[in-house]
Amino acid sequence: MQTLRTGTCKRQSGVRSQETGVRSNKNFTAPPWVKDCLRITHHGSRIFNPTVHCSLFTVHCRKGFTLIELILVIFILSLTVALTVPSFRNMGGTLKTEAMHIAGALRYVNDEAVGKKQTYFLNINLNDESWEIEGNNEKKKTSLKGNVEIQDVFIPSLGEVSSGEVTIGFGPSGPEEPLIFHLKKDKAGYTVIFNNINGRVRVVEGYAL
């Protein structure tokens, strides 16, 4: 019985040594954190010491971002957003501003024609992105700014006009037809709608009819 127990003990010790996959090597010098995680058995094999919470598991956690690296990444992202967002705002702001200018020109021509009981003309040049007010010895030309373009002008009797020149007459009762201007810049757009019945002007974002 004693011989059987001794043999069983040796076989179990051998199995444990094979499971760990680590063998004794006198020429090998283990780092301190490895020594803490290993203990030497009386048979000379090295097995893992479960009682020591060593850096064998924490060494992988230290490969993540440090606080300084995270702050640097956040700073770069914030700087990128800060430089990009104003450009989009400026693009939309310029387009809307030019749309408001055309809306103001339509109100002005209509009010002058109705108030003074005279005929005024609004000349639209779609080739050079400009318009001109003419009437009562007055002639004033204005051009769109900020690379804003007149995409087209819609008049029921003419349809959609996208090139050339269009002359719109404003009599003592205003224009005879409603007017729609489509402005664009890159992929953005605004629509200026003039109601010939009540003389009101609306500015709408996007392409509308």
Foldseek 3Di string as FASTA:
>chain_A
DVVVVVVVVVVVVVVQLVVQVFAADPPDDDDPQVPQQWDADPVRGIHGDPVGPGCPPVVVVVVDDDPVRVVVVVVVVVVVCVVPVVVVVVQVVLQVVLLVVVQVVLLVQQCCQQVVQAKKKWKAAQVQQKIWIDDPNDIDIDHRDDQKGFQWKAWPVVGTGGHGMDMFMQGNQGGPTKIKIWIDDDHWIKIWTADSNVGHIDIGTDDDD
